[in-house]
Structure formats: structure tokens, C-alpha cells
Amino acid sequence: MHSLQKFCVRTFCLVAILLLAVLPMIQNKQTTRAGTISSAAISVASSTESASTTYTITFTPATAATEQSSVSLGFQSPPDTKFGINNAAVATGSSAVFTGIGFLDTQYGGISVNASSLPAEVLTLKLSGITNPSKAGKYSVWIETRSGFSSLDSGSASVTIGTIGVQGTVSLPGNAGNAQYVYVEAQDSTDFGIRFGSSTDENGEYGIGGLTSGKSYTIQVFLSGDPNSNTTGYASPEPATITYAGTPITQNFTLAQATKSVSGTMVRSTSVAVANGRVAAMRMDGPGFVNTTTNSAGEYSMTMTGGKWEIRPDTWVGPGQVAPDYTFSGPGNQIKFVKDSSVETKTGVNFTVIIANSIITGTVSPVPSGGMAGIGIHNRGGFGTGTQLQSNGTFSARVPAGVYEIELFTDM
């Protein structure tokens, strides 16, 4: 592979692995709340990693529903340490309004529970047959009540599995509150492939387990673009390095104020604007990830902190996403801001994407386990793109017509 191709594939893989870690954190909770669920709490019969156990979830809806209703639960976790929900069932001890499982989304940890009604009072939902994640940590469970097809209230609760190694709170600057639903990652300082993570809950609290005593870890905060988060206008803080000695470490963070901005357009090779196109920015000299979508005219804008950034169209197909009818190849546009709190603006960071009128599909066997995996696609002309490997080993990607080389990459 030519050196330019190697650089592009390597860069793409780094961004893709980050997306694999962050995107599942926002899967199953893409609607903003109508009302707020209160008094949400979760207890488990066993908090041991990989144990099959019963979850007891209590919560109070803000809005009552007197007709056929449902409760949707989203068990949030990275793809390499998922909750097992295949055998989930409503257990004895649940409030009488809960009548059974509506459906299971086993790939993304989603459970819908049918209810005859939903009174605005404390409700108890017991679910048996749930398998805990294989990695220790503090995990969030998203809760949403529905009446028919209408969303009513939403909220979240957290559950701790195993032993926590590092924990803390992510705050907004200026005593503006705590950062909700951001992703905190502990990465082995000597091995990029060894990392553990946790998303913050409604109180901005996180907890990461699985750490090895005597090892050093780099702790980083990533903003996910979750529509329910309160982090718009802020950016990731500088990372922290810890050495784990076998007892829990408290590491708090405060987000940085985003005083830099970049804007531009995305058009197809036919000069037609791309509406709702995803644009991602990854910081190259420190932690930082920002994403947004274009408007109907193909225009976008993002805010971030100082530093060196790479901006590029995001055509990666992650959990719950539909492949766009275009793709992008090669390095993105690099920009640089002064590392301070001054206001800076860069405009005209524009992109032309390639129309993707062909589809590549395939299967990997055996399916890689123990890490996160994806498919890299490139040709000898320098084009490169990729897509996620699904849990059953299948993959699909849109590309321009041509001849391609395909490779599997993992973080293991």
C-alpha cells in the first residue's frame, strides 16, 4: 500500500474506533425529553461481571398514560462489553401495569416493555435474565415512557458492575452544572488497544473498572453529540494520567469553553448541496472530538477549543445509522487555532464528496471478539473508506464503481 494510502487508512481507523466507542453511548435515546422521569434507580441481584441476574428498576413518570403504553430501556455500553438481553423477561415483583416484553433489540441493548397504563407514581419494573457486561464500570440505562407512538417522559439511572478503578464528575465551567452523557475513557498508556470507558449520568458522574494495579492510564473525556446532553458550546478538557494501585482513584474534569469556530459547506461532485450530512472534527494534538450536521443548504458550523484539528465529512456507518449515498476519501482539512481562550473563526472549510453508486457486502468468519472491529476499503488510486463490522460478522458499504482491496482492522 502506498504511504499516502497507509496514512489515510490509519487516520480513518483511529476516527472509526472512536466512533465505535462513542456512538453506542447515544443509541436508543435519540429523542429529546417531553417530561422528566424522577426518582429513577437501579439495583441488581448480582453486580459480578458477565453474571446473569435480575434488574430492579424504579422510577416515577411525570406524565400519566391511561391507555396502552410502554417503557423503552436503553442499556448503554461500548460494543466490546455489551449487556446480554436475549433472555430478558418481566419478573415477579413488578408493578401490575407491566404486562410483558414488547420487543428486544439485542444488538443495541434496547428493551420495550408493554404496560396497560402508566400512572404518575412510583413504578417498579423487575427484569430477569439480563447478563451483565464483561467489563467492570458504571453504566447508564436510558428510560423513556410512551403512549402509543408518542413519547411522554424520559430520564436515566446508572448501575455499577464489578469494581471501579477510577471515578469522578465531569463539570461545566463557571459552576454551570455537570456534564451529562459524555464519554470518559481510560486508555493504557503503553497499549492503545487496552481501554475501558463509561458515560456520565444525569449528575455528570462516571466510573471505570477493569484497570490493572501498577499500570498507568490516560483518562480522556469525549463529547458525543448526544441530543440530550447539555454540552453544546463546550469542548473536551486536557487528559489526565493516573497510576492505578488497586484502590479507587477520584479524577474530576471540567470542560473547556469552546471559543473557536469553523464553518463551511458540503456538496456532491455534481455541485448539489448535501443536506443532513455529518461532519466530524478530531483534534490531532490532544483529546477532542466534535460533530454536527449540515443544513438544507449544505452548510455547517462547529465550535471547539484551540489546537490542531482535522475536519472531514463523516460517512462512517455506525449503530442505527443509514449509509449515505456519497463517500469521502483521503485526509480531511486541517486547521489550527491558538491554544488560548481568545475568539477565533475560520470560514470556507468546504468539502466535495464522491457519489457512491455501488455497494460492497460481505461476512467475516469467525467474528472477532474482545475488541472493536471495522472494515477498511481502498483502491490503488488512493481512495479509502470503511464501515462497521456488525455483531453477526456482516458488513456493507457504499462506494463509487471500481476495484477495491478490503481489510479487517481491530483495536485488539
Protein backbone atom coordinates (compact mmCIF):
# COMPACT_ATOMS: atom_id res chain seq x y z
CA MET A 1 0.00 0.00 0.00
CA HIS A 2 1.36 3.45 -0.85
CA SER A 3 2.44 5.70 2.06
CA LEU A 4 -0.45 8.14 1.45
CA GLN A 5 -2.93 5.26 1.48
CA LYS A 6 -1.41 3.96 4.72
CA PHE A 7 -1.74 7.39 6.30
CA CYS A 8 -5.37 7.77 5.19
CA VAL A 9 -6.37 4.28 6.31
CA ARG A 10 -4.58 4.73 9.66
CA THR A 11 -6.29 8.09 10.25
CA PHE A 12 -9.66 6.71 9.20
CA CYS A 13 -9.25 3.72 11.53
CA LEU A 14 -8.47 5.96 14.51
CA VAL A 15 -11.60 8.02 13.87
CA ALA A 16 -13.64 4.86 13.26
CA ILE A 17 -12.56 3.25 16.53
CA LEU A 18 -13.51 6.43 18.37
CA LEU A 19 -16.93 6.39 16.70
CA LEU A 20 -17.35 2.72 17.60
CA ALA A 21 -16.81 3.62 21.24
CA VAL A 22 -18.92 6.79 21.36
CA LEU A 23 -21.88 6.07 19.10
CA PRO A 24 -23.36 3.22 21.15
CA MET A 25 -23.49 5.61 24.09
CA ILE A 26 -26.21 7.60 22.33
CA GLN A 27 -28.00 4.70 20.67
CA ASN A 28 -31.59 4.14 21.88
CA LYS A 29 -32.01 7.70 23.19
CA GLN A 30 -32.26 9.96 20.19
CA THR A 31 -35.40 11.86 21.25
CA THR A 32 -35.31 14.91 23.47
CA ARG A 33 -37.45 14.61 26.54
CA ALA A 34 -41.03 15.87 26.86
CA GLY A 35 -41.21 15.44 30.63
CA THR A 36 -38.59 14.31 33.11
CA ILE A 37 -38.73 10.97 34.88
CA SER A 38 -37.87 11.34 38.56
CA SER A 39 -36.59 9.05 41.32
CA ALA A 40 -35.02 6.66 38.82
CA ALA A 41 -32.84 3.98 40.42
CA ILE A 42 -31.48 0.54 39.55
CA SER A 43 -30.43 -2.34 41.78
CA VAL A 44 -29.10 -5.74 40.71
CA ALA A 45 -29.18 -9.13 42.41
CA SER A 46 -25.55 -9.66 41.33
CA SER A 47 -23.06 -7.00 40.22
CA THR A 48 -20.46 -9.53 39.06
CA GLU A 49 -19.15 -9.14 35.52
CA SER A 50 -20.91 -11.42 32.98
CA ALA A 51 -23.38 -12.70 35.58
CA SER A 52 -26.98 -13.44 34.55
CA THR A 53 -29.11 -11.59 37.07
CA THR A 54 -32.30 -9.66 37.82
CA TYR A 55 -32.50 -5.88 37.50
CA THR A 56 -34.94 -3.89 39.61
CA ILE A 57 -35.74 -0.51 38.08
CA THR A 58 -37.84 2.04 39.96
CA PHE A 59 -38.97 5.37 38.52
CA THR A 60 -41.75 7.94 38.61
CA PRO A 61 -43.23 9.21 35.31
CA ALA A 62 -44.09 12.91 35.15
CA THR A 63 -46.96 12.27 32.70
CA ALA A 64 -49.69 9.70 33.30
CA ALA A 65 -50.99 7.50 30.47
CA THR A 66 -54.37 5.82 30.89
CA GLU A 67 -54.25 3.71 27.72
CA GLN A 68 -51.96 1.04 26.31
CA SER A 69 -48.42 2.24 26.93
CA SER A 70 -44.83 1.08 27.02
CA VAL A 71 -41.46 1.73 28.64
CA SER A 72 -38.33 1.70 26.47
CA LEU A 73 -34.99 0.92 28.11
CA GLY A 74 -31.60 1.53 26.52
CA PHE A 75 -28.71 -0.29 28.22
CA GLN A 76 -25.71 1.88 27.26
CA SER A 77 -22.32 0.22 26.78
CA PRO A 78 -19.39 0.10 24.35
CA PRO A 79 -19.66 -2.61 21.66
CA ASP A 80 -16.92 -4.74 23.23
CA THR A 81 -18.75 -5.19 26.55
CA LYS A 82 -22.48 -5.30 25.92
CA PHE A 83 -25.38 -6.16 28.17
CA GLY A 84 -26.96 -9.51 27.28
CA ILE A 85 -30.73 -9.06 26.98
CA ASN A 86 -31.71 -12.06 24.84
CA ASN A 87 -33.43 -13.81 27.76
CA ALA A 88 -34.93 -10.73 29.45
CA ALA A 89 -38.40 -11.23 30.95
CA VAL A 90 -40.72 -9.27 33.24
CA ALA A 91 -40.27 -10.85 36.69
CA THR A 92 -42.47 -11.25 39.75
CA GLY A 93 -42.44 -8.13 41.90
CA SER A 94 -43.05 -5.73 39.02
CA SER A 95 -45.89 -3.23 39.22
CA ALA A 96 -49.14 -4.75 37.95
CA VAL A 97 -49.31 -2.37 34.96
CA PHE A 98 -46.39 -4.14 33.24
CA THR A 99 -47.71 -6.96 31.05
CA GLY A 100 -44.64 -8.36 29.25
CA ILE A 101 -41.80 -7.76 26.83
CA GLY A 102 -42.80 -5.91 23.66
CA PHE A 103 -39.58 -6.39 21.72
CA LEU A 104 -35.83 -6.78 22.19
CA ASP A 105 -33.10 -5.02 20.21
CA THR A 106 -30.29 -7.37 21.16
CA GLN A 107 -27.66 -5.64 19.01
CA TYR A 108 -28.01 -2.25 20.70
CA GLY A 109 -29.31 -3.20 24.16
CA GLY A 110 -32.88 -1.96 23.75
CA ILE A 111 -35.89 -3.42 25.60
CA SER A 112 -39.51 -2.33 25.22
CA VAL A 113 -41.91 -3.38 28.00
CA ASN A 114 -45.68 -3.25 27.43
CA ALA A 115 -47.93 -1.64 30.03
CA SER A 116 -51.70 -1.41 30.40
CA SER A 117 -51.25 2.18 31.68
CA LEU A 118 -48.60 4.36 33.29
CA PRO A 119 -49.75 6.24 36.39
CA ALA A 120 -47.66 9.20 37.56
CA GLU A 121 -46.45 7.38 40.68
CA VAL A 122 -43.51 5.24 41.72
CA LEU A 123 -43.35 2.16 39.48
CA THR A 124 -41.22 -0.96 39.87
CA LEU A 125 -40.03 -2.98 36.90
CA LYS A 126 -38.13 -6.21 37.53
CA LEU A 127 -36.34 -7.84 34.60
CA SER A 128 -34.80 -11.28 34.93
CA GLY A 129 -32.37 -12.96 32.54
CA ILE A 130 -30.12 -9.94 31.89
CA THR A 131 -26.39 -10.63 31.57
CA ASN A 132 -24.05 -8.00 32.97
CA PRO A 133 -21.29 -6.52 30.78
CA SER A 134 -17.97 -8.37 30.82
CA LYS A 135 -16.06 -5.25 31.93
CA ALA A 136 -16.46 -3.53 35.27
CA GLY A 137 -17.74 0.03 35.28
CA LYS A 138 -20.63 2.39 35.84
CA TYR A 139 -23.25 2.06 33.11
CA SER A 140 -26.24 4.24 32.24
CA VAL A 141 -29.70 2.92 31.42
CA TRP A 142 -31.94 5.27 29.44
CA ILE A 143 -35.66 5.18 30.34
CA GLU A 144 -38.44 6.53 28.13
CA THR A 145 -42.20 6.22 28.59
CA ARG A 146 -44.53 6.15 25.60
CA SER A 147 -48.26 6.21 24.95
CA GLY A 148 -48.95 4.60 21.61
CA PHE A 149 -46.40 6.14 19.24
CA SER A 150 -45.96 9.32 21.29
CA SER A 151 -43.00 9.92 23.61
CA LEU A 152 -44.02 11.09 27.08
CA ASP A 153 -41.16 11.31 29.58
CA SER A 154 -37.50 10.32 29.72
CA GLY A 155 -34.64 10.03 32.16
CA SER A 156 -31.84 7.71 33.16
CA ALA A 157 -30.32 5.77 36.01
CA SER A 158 -26.96 4.09 36.47
CA VAL A 159 -25.73 0.72 37.68
CA THR A 160 -22.25 -0.27 38.85
CA ILE A 161 -20.83 -3.59 37.72
CA GLY A 162 -17.70 -5.05 39.32
CA THR A 163 -15.00 -2.94 40.97
CA ILE A 164 -14.46 0.70 39.99
CA GLY A 165 -10.86 1.78 39.39
CA VAL A 166 -11.29 5.47 38.58
CA GLN A 167 -14.35 7.63 39.13
CA GLY A 168 -15.32 11.26 39.27
CA THR A 169 -17.50 14.07 37.98
CA VAL A 170 -17.32 15.98 34.70
CA SER A 171 -18.42 19.59 35.26
CA LEU A 172 -19.27 22.57 33.10
CA PRO A 173 -17.08 25.64 33.58
CA GLY A 174 -18.19 28.57 35.71
CA ASN A 175 -20.28 26.47 38.11
CA ALA A 176 -22.82 25.98 35.32
CA GLY A 177 -23.63 22.42 36.40
CA ASN A 178 -22.42 18.97 35.47
CA ALA A 179 -21.82 17.50 32.00
CA GLN A 180 -24.43 14.89 31.13
CA TYR A 181 -23.90 11.88 28.83
CA VAL A 182 -20.28 12.46 27.85
CA TYR A 183 -17.90 9.54 27.40
CA VAL A 184 -14.86 9.11 29.66
CA GLU A 185 -12.18 6.64 28.61
CA ALA A 186 -9.18 5.12 30.40
CA GLN A 187 -6.53 4.05 27.90
CA ASP A 188 -3.47 2.01 28.82
CA SER A 189 -0.57 4.45 28.46
CA THR A 190 1.57 1.83 26.70
CA ASP A 191 -1.06 -0.01 24.62
CA PHE A 192 -3.72 1.84 22.60
CA GLY A 193 -5.82 -1.33 22.27
CA ILE A 194 -6.39 -1.69 26.02
CA ARG A 195 -9.04 0.76 27.18
CA PHE A 196 -12.16 0.97 29.28
CA GLY A 197 -14.91 3.56 29.36
CA SER A 198 -18.04 4.93 30.96
CA SER A 199 -20.58 7.61 30.07
CA THR A 200 -21.57 10.19 32.63
CA ASP A 201 -25.08 10.08 34.06
CA GLU A 202 -27.51 12.94 34.65
CA ASN A 203 -25.32 14.10 37.55
CA GLY A 204 -22.16 14.13 35.44
CA GLU A 205 -20.74 11.13 37.33
CA TYR A 206 -18.73 8.31 35.73
CA GLY A 207 -16.98 5.16 36.93
CA ILE A 208 -14.50 2.96 35.04
CA GLY A 209 -13.43 -0.55 36.02
CA GLY A 210 -11.18 -3.26 34.63
CA LEU A 211 -7.91 -1.47 35.45
CA THR A 212 -4.75 -3.40 36.35
CA SER A 213 -2.87 -2.49 39.51
CA GLY A 214 0.53 -0.93 38.84
CA LYS A 215 -0.34 0.32 35.34
CA SER A 216 -0.68 3.91 34.17
CA TYR A 217 -3.72 5.10 32.23
CA THR A 218 -4.57 8.21 30.24
CA ILE A 219 -8.06 9.45 31.14
CA GLN A 220 -9.84 11.40 28.38
CA VAL A 221 -13.27 12.98 28.01
CA PHE A 222 -15.13 12.85 24.69
CA LEU A 223 -18.26 14.81 23.83
CA SER A 224 -20.66 12.54 21.96
CA GLY A 225 -23.14 14.91 20.30
CA ASP A 226 -25.97 13.30 22.28
CA PRO A 227 -29.11 15.44 21.71
CA ASN A 228 -29.96 15.08 25.41
CA SER A 229 -26.56 16.30 26.60
CA ASN A 230 -26.02 19.83 27.91
CA THR A 231 -22.51 20.25 26.48
CA THR A 232 -23.18 22.38 23.39
CA GLY A 233 -20.63 25.18 23.25
CA TYR A 234 -18.06 23.30 25.32
CA ALA A 235 -15.08 21.14 24.44
CA SER A 236 -13.05 18.28 25.91
CA PRO A 237 -10.56 19.17 28.65
CA GLU A 238 -6.90 18.14 28.62
CA PRO A 239 -6.34 14.46 29.51
CA ALA A 240 -5.09 13.28 32.89
CA THR A 241 -2.65 10.46 33.63
CA ILE A 242 -3.14 8.19 36.65
CA THR A 243 -1.33 5.16 38.07
CA TYR A 244 -3.77 2.62 39.47
CA ALA A 245 -2.63 0.99 42.72
CA GLY A 246 -5.64 -1.26 43.36
CA THR A 247 -7.85 1.26 45.17
CA PRO A 248 -10.38 3.64 43.56
CA ILE A 249 -8.99 6.95 42.29
CA THR A 250 -11.11 10.10 42.01
CA GLN A 251 -10.37 12.12 38.86
CA ASN A 252 -12.65 15.07 38.18
CA PHE A 253 -12.75 17.11 34.98
CA THR A 254 -14.08 20.49 33.93
CA LEU A 255 -14.99 21.00 30.27
CA ALA A 256 -13.31 23.81 28.36
CA GLN A 257 -15.24 26.74 26.95
CA ALA A 258 -15.32 26.47 23.15
CA THR A 259 -14.23 29.87 21.83
CA LYS A 260 -13.09 28.81 18.35
CA SER A 261 -15.42 28.15 15.43
CA VAL A 262 -15.18 26.69 11.94
CA SER A 263 -17.75 26.72 9.14
CA GLY A 264 -18.09 25.58 5.56
CA THR A 265 -20.20 23.65 3.07
CA MET A 266 -20.57 20.09 1.80
CA VAL A 267 -21.58 19.46 -1.82
CA ARG A 268 -21.65 16.46 -4.11
CA SER A 269 -19.38 16.24 -7.15
CA THR A 270 -22.39 17.49 -9.13
CA SER A 271 -22.35 20.70 -7.01
CA VAL A 272 -25.64 19.73 -5.32
CA ALA A 273 -25.68 20.58 -1.60
CA VAL A 274 -25.65 17.71 0.91
CA ALA A 275 -28.42 18.19 3.48
CA ASN A 276 -28.16 16.47 6.88
CA GLY A 277 -24.62 15.39 6.09
CA ARG A 278 -22.44 14.53 9.07
CA VAL A 279 -19.22 16.46 9.63
CA ALA A 280 -16.67 15.44 12.27
CA ALA A 281 -13.65 17.21 13.74
CA MET A 282 -10.90 15.32 15.56
CA ARG A 283 -8.17 17.10 17.44
CA MET A 284 -4.70 15.96 16.36
CA ASP A 285 -2.59 17.30 19.25
CA GLY A 286 -4.75 16.22 22.17
CA PRO A 287 -8.18 14.85 23.05
CA GLY A 288 -11.09 16.41 21.24
CA PHE A 289 -13.97 15.29 19.07
CA VAL A 290 -16.83 17.44 17.73
CA ASN A 291 -19.53 16.56 15.24
CA THR A 292 -22.50 18.25 13.59
CA THR A 293 -24.78 18.01 10.55
CA THR A 294 -25.29 20.28 7.56
CA ASN A 295 -28.47 22.29 7.00
CA SER A 296 -30.65 22.13 3.87
CA ALA A 297 -28.14 24.32 2.01
CA GLY A 298 -25.23 22.02 2.88
CA GLU A 299 -23.80 24.48 5.41
CA TYR A 300 -22.28 23.53 8.76
CA SER A 301 -20.58 25.20 11.73
CA MET A 302 -18.85 23.85 14.83
CA THR A 303 -17.28 25.26 17.98
CA MET A 304 -14.14 23.89 19.60
CA THR A 305 -11.04 24.78 21.62
CA GLY A 306 -7.59 25.84 20.49
CA GLY A 307 -5.25 23.31 18.91
CA LYS A 308 -4.75 21.47 15.64
CA TRP A 309 -7.86 19.83 14.18
CA GLU A 310 -8.79 17.70 11.18
CA ILE A 311 -12.27 18.35 9.74
CA ARG A 312 -13.85 15.82 7.38
CA PRO A 313 -17.22 14.51 6.21
CA ASP A 314 -18.29 11.57 8.37
CA THR A 315 -19.53 8.72 6.15
CA TRP A 316 -18.87 6.01 8.72
CA VAL A 317 -21.94 3.80 9.20
CA GLY A 318 -22.28 3.11 12.91
CA PRO A 319 -25.07 1.71 15.11
CA GLY A 320 -28.50 2.83 13.95
CA GLN A 321 -27.16 4.90 11.05
CA VAL A 322 -28.11 4.68 7.38
CA ALA A 323 -25.33 4.72 4.80
CA PRO A 324 -25.35 7.99 2.82
CA ASP A 325 -25.36 7.93 -0.99
CA TYR A 326 -21.92 9.53 -1.06
CA THR A 327 -18.48 8.94 0.42
CA PHE A 328 -15.26 10.81 1.12
CA SER A 329 -11.65 9.74 0.72
CA GLY A 330 -8.28 10.97 1.84
CA PRO A 331 -7.26 13.28 4.66
CA GLY A 332 -9.66 16.00 5.73
CA ASN A 333 -8.93 19.72 6.01
CA GLN A 334 -6.51 20.63 8.78
CA ILE A 335 -6.95 23.84 10.73
CA LYS A 336 -5.07 25.31 13.67
CA PHE A 337 -6.22 27.63 16.44
CA VAL A 338 -4.17 29.34 19.13
CA LYS A 339 -4.33 27.39 22.40
CA ASP A 340 -6.00 30.06 24.50
CA SER A 341 -9.45 31.44 25.29
CA SER A 342 -9.47 34.10 22.57
CA VAL A 343 -12.25 34.07 19.98
CA GLU A 344 -11.17 32.80 16.53
CA THR A 345 -13.22 31.96 13.44
CA LYS A 346 -12.29 30.05 10.30
CA THR A 347 -14.68 30.03 7.34
CA GLY A 348 -14.67 28.37 3.93
CA VAL A 349 -13.63 24.92 5.14
CA ASN A 350 -15.55 23.25 2.34
CA PHE A 351 -15.86 19.67 1.11
CA THR A 352 -16.83 17.92 -2.12
CA VAL A 353 -17.97 14.34 -1.59
CA ILE A 354 -17.99 11.48 -4.10
CA ILE A 355 -21.25 9.93 -5.29
CA ALA A 356 -21.33 6.30 -4.12
CA ASN A 357 -23.46 4.31 -6.56
CA SER A 358 -22.20 0.79 -5.72
CA ILE A 359 -22.47 -1.40 -2.61
CA ILE A 360 -19.92 -3.85 -1.19
CA THR A 361 -21.22 -6.51 1.20
CA GLY A 362 -19.51 -9.41 2.93
CA THR A 363 -19.03 -11.54 6.03
CA VAL A 364 -16.09 -12.07 8.38
CA SER A 365 -15.77 -15.51 9.94
CA PRO A 366 -15.04 -16.13 12.73
CA VAL A 367 -16.32 -12.87 14.17
CA PRO A 368 -13.55 -11.08 16.15
CA SER A 369 -14.22 -10.97 19.89
CA GLY A 370 -12.81 -8.97 22.76
CA GLY A 371 -12.44 -5.68 20.92
CA MET A 372 -13.97 -3.32 18.39
CA ALA A 373 -13.67 -4.07 14.69
CA GLY A 374 -14.36 -2.50 11.32
CA ILE A 375 -13.70 -2.89 7.60
CA GLY A 376 -11.26 -0.73 5.63
CA ILE A 377 -11.87 -0.36 1.89
CA HIS A 378 -9.34 1.20 -0.52
CA ASN A 379 -8.12 1.04 -4.11
CA ARG A 380 -4.75 1.62 -5.73
CA GLY A 381 -5.82 5.08 -6.85
CA GLY A 382 -5.75 6.36 -3.26
CA PHE A 383 -9.47 6.09 -2.41
CA GLY A 384 -10.20 4.84 1.11
CA THR A 385 -13.27 4.44 3.27
CA GLY A 386 -14.72 1.92 5.72
CA THR A 387 -17.68 0.68 7.70
CA GLN A 388 -18.54 -1.09 10.94
CA LEU A 389 -18.46 -4.86 11.30
CA GLN A 390 -21.85 -5.94 12.65
CA SER A 391 -22.14 -8.33 15.60
CA ASN A 392 -23.02 -11.23 13.24
CA GLY A 393 -19.89 -10.63 11.15
CA THR A 394 -21.59 -8.94 8.19
CA PHE A 395 -20.71 -5.57 6.68
CA SER A 396 -21.97 -3.27 3.94
CA ALA A 397 -20.53 -0.09 2.44
CA ARG A 398 -21.36 2.31 -0.39
CA VAL A 399 -18.52 3.14 -2.80
CA PRO A 400 -18.03 4.51 -6.32
CA ALA A 401 -17.80 1.85 -9.05
CA GLY A 402 -14.31 0.32 -9.18
CA VAL A 403 -11.95 -2.39 -7.93
CA TYR A 404 -11.10 -2.42 -4.21
CA GLU A 405 -8.93 -4.11 -1.58
CA ILE A 406 -10.69 -4.89 1.70
CA GLU A 407 -9.09 -5.36 5.12
CA LEU A 408 -10.25 -6.05 8.66
CA PHE A 409 -9.00 -3.78 11.45
CA THR A 410 -9.48 -4.11 15.20
CA ASP A 411 -8.24 -2.38 18.33
CA MET A 412 -7.01 -5.66 19.84
